[in-house]
Amino acid sequence: MARPSRCASRASAATWVRNNVEWLPTWGATQAADVTLGSQRGNAMDIASPLIALLRAGSYGWRQEQM
């Protein structure tokens, strides 16, 4: 499974994460972005981290805020 290229669009980064990372029903951030990508599973906060990392790598500004 290939990760999106550095110049990938926002939509392709989001699609890749949605199609390749399994959601787990847990609460709060439990692992880092690299662990989430490696295990290909995580909760909503864990899944947001690699997506933000991919967007930043593609030169898209993004920040994660707690609600």
C-alpha atoms as a PDB file:
ATOM      1  CA  MET A   1       0.000   0.000   0.000  1.00  0.00           C
ATOM      2  CA  ALA A   2       1.550   3.261  -1.102  1.00  0.00           C
ATOM      3  CA  ARG A   3       1.054   6.448   0.866  1.00  0.00           C
ATOM      4  CA  PRO A   4      -0.002   9.612  -0.969  1.00  0.00           C
ATOM      5  CA  SER A   5       2.860  11.510  -2.548  1.00  0.00           C
ATOM      6  CA  ARG A   6       4.205  14.692  -0.984  1.00  0.00           C
ATOM      7  CA  CYS A   7       2.326  16.816  -3.500  1.00  0.00           C
ATOM      8  CA  ALA A   8      -0.953  14.923  -3.071  1.00  0.00           C
ATOM      9  CA  SER A   9      -4.137  16.921  -2.891  1.00  0.00           C
ATOM     10  CA  ARG A  10      -6.069  17.372   0.330  1.00  0.00           C
ATOM     11  CA  ALA A  11      -8.833  15.142  -0.992  1.00  0.00           C
ATOM     12  CA  SER A  12      -6.465  12.309  -1.898  1.00  0.00           C
ATOM     13  CA  ALA A  13      -4.783  12.481   1.538  1.00  0.00           C
ATOM     14  CA  ALA A  14      -8.163  12.301   3.270  1.00  0.00           C
ATOM     15  CA  THR A  15      -9.286   9.467   1.002  1.00  0.00           C
ATOM     16  CA  TRP A  16      -6.099   7.503   1.641  1.00  0.00           C
ATOM     17  CA  VAL A  17      -6.458   7.799   5.419  1.00  0.00           C
ATOM     18  CA  ARG A  18     -10.173   6.921   5.289  1.00  0.00           C
ATOM     19  CA  ASN A  19      -9.521   3.838   3.138  1.00  0.00           C
ATOM     20  CA  ASN A  20      -6.413   2.579   4.949  1.00  0.00           C
ATOM     21  CA  VAL A  21      -6.822   3.308   8.659  1.00  0.00           C
ATOM     22  CA  GLU A  22      -9.403   1.344  10.649  1.00  0.00           C
ATOM     23  CA  TRP A  23     -11.428   3.209  13.291  1.00  0.00           C
ATOM     24  CA  LEU A  24     -11.383   1.862  16.850  1.00  0.00           C
ATOM     25  CA  PRO A  25     -14.039   2.918  19.388  1.00  0.00           C
ATOM     26  CA  THR A  26     -11.818   4.421  22.095  1.00  0.00           C
ATOM     27  CA  TRP A  27     -11.634   7.913  23.614  1.00  0.00           C
ATOM     28  CA  GLY A  28      -8.849  10.482  23.399  1.00  0.00           C
ATOM     29  CA  ALA A  29      -5.558  10.397  21.564  1.00  0.00           C
ATOM     30  CA  THR A  30      -3.873   7.106  22.431  1.00  0.00           C
ATOM     31  CA  GLN A  31      -1.018   6.942  19.916  1.00  0.00           C
ATOM     32  CA  ALA A  32       1.156   9.120  17.697  1.00  0.00           C
ATOM     33  CA  ALA A  33       0.677   9.608  13.964  1.00  0.00           C
ATOM     34  CA  ASP A  34       3.513   7.241  13.012  1.00  0.00           C
ATOM     35  CA  VAL A  35       2.114   4.474  15.227  1.00  0.00           C
ATOM     36  CA  THR A  36      -1.367   4.968  13.764  1.00  0.00           C
ATOM     37  CA  LEU A  37       0.015   4.703  10.231  1.00  0.00           C
ATOM     38  CA  GLY A  38       2.082   1.657  11.148  1.00  0.00           C
ATOM     39  CA  SER A  39      -0.761  -0.217  12.823  1.00  0.00           C
ATOM     40  CA  GLN A  40      -3.372   1.157  10.406  1.00  0.00           C
ATOM     41  CA  ARG A  41      -5.883   1.572  13.218  1.00  0.00           C
ATOM     42  CA  GLY A  42      -6.851   4.150  15.803  1.00  0.00           C
ATOM     43  CA  ASN A  43      -9.653   6.238  17.212  1.00  0.00           C
ATOM     44  CA  ALA A  44     -10.864   9.528  15.736  1.00  0.00           C
ATOM     45  CA  MET A  45      -8.108  11.600  17.382  1.00  0.00           C
ATOM     46  CA  ASP A  46      -5.437   9.090  16.379  1.00  0.00           C
ATOM     47  CA  ILE A  47      -6.677   9.111  12.762  1.00  0.00           C
ATOM     48  CA  ALA A  48      -6.684  12.922  12.640  1.00  0.00           C
ATOM     49  CA  SER A  49      -2.963  13.055  13.513  1.00  0.00           C
ATOM     50  CA  PRO A  50      -1.599  11.264  10.408  1.00  0.00           C
ATOM     51  CA  LEU A  51      -4.066  13.143   8.210  1.00  0.00           C
ATOM     52  CA  ILE A  52      -2.756  16.449   9.564  1.00  0.00           C
ATOM     53  CA  ALA A  53       0.822  15.234   9.077  1.00  0.00           C
ATOM     54  CA  LEU A  54       0.084  14.328   5.442  1.00  0.00           C
ATOM     55  CA  LEU A  55      -1.571  17.703   4.853  1.00  0.00           C
ATOM     56  CA  ARG A  56       1.394  19.543   6.380  1.00  0.00           C
ATOM     57  CA  ALA A  57       3.811  17.498   4.259  1.00  0.00           C
ATOM     58  CA  GLY A  58       1.840  18.625   1.211  1.00  0.00           C
ATOM     59  CA  SER A  59       2.300  22.280   2.251  1.00  0.00           C
ATOM     60  CA  TYR A  60      -1.282  22.691   3.403  1.00  0.00           C
ATOM     61  CA  GLY A  61      -1.546  24.638   6.633  1.00  0.00           C
ATOM     62  CA  TRP A  62      -3.530  22.804   9.281  1.00  0.00           C
ATOM     63  CA  ARG A  63      -3.784  22.787  13.025  1.00  0.00           C
ATOM     64  CA  GLN A  64      -5.536  20.497  15.425  1.00  0.00           C
ATOM     65  CA  GLU A  65      -7.719  22.065  18.102  1.00  0.00           C
ATOM     66  CA  GLN A  66      -9.375  20.408  21.028  1.00  0.00           C
ATOM     67  CA  MET A  67     -13.107  20.918  21.297  1.00  0.00           C
END
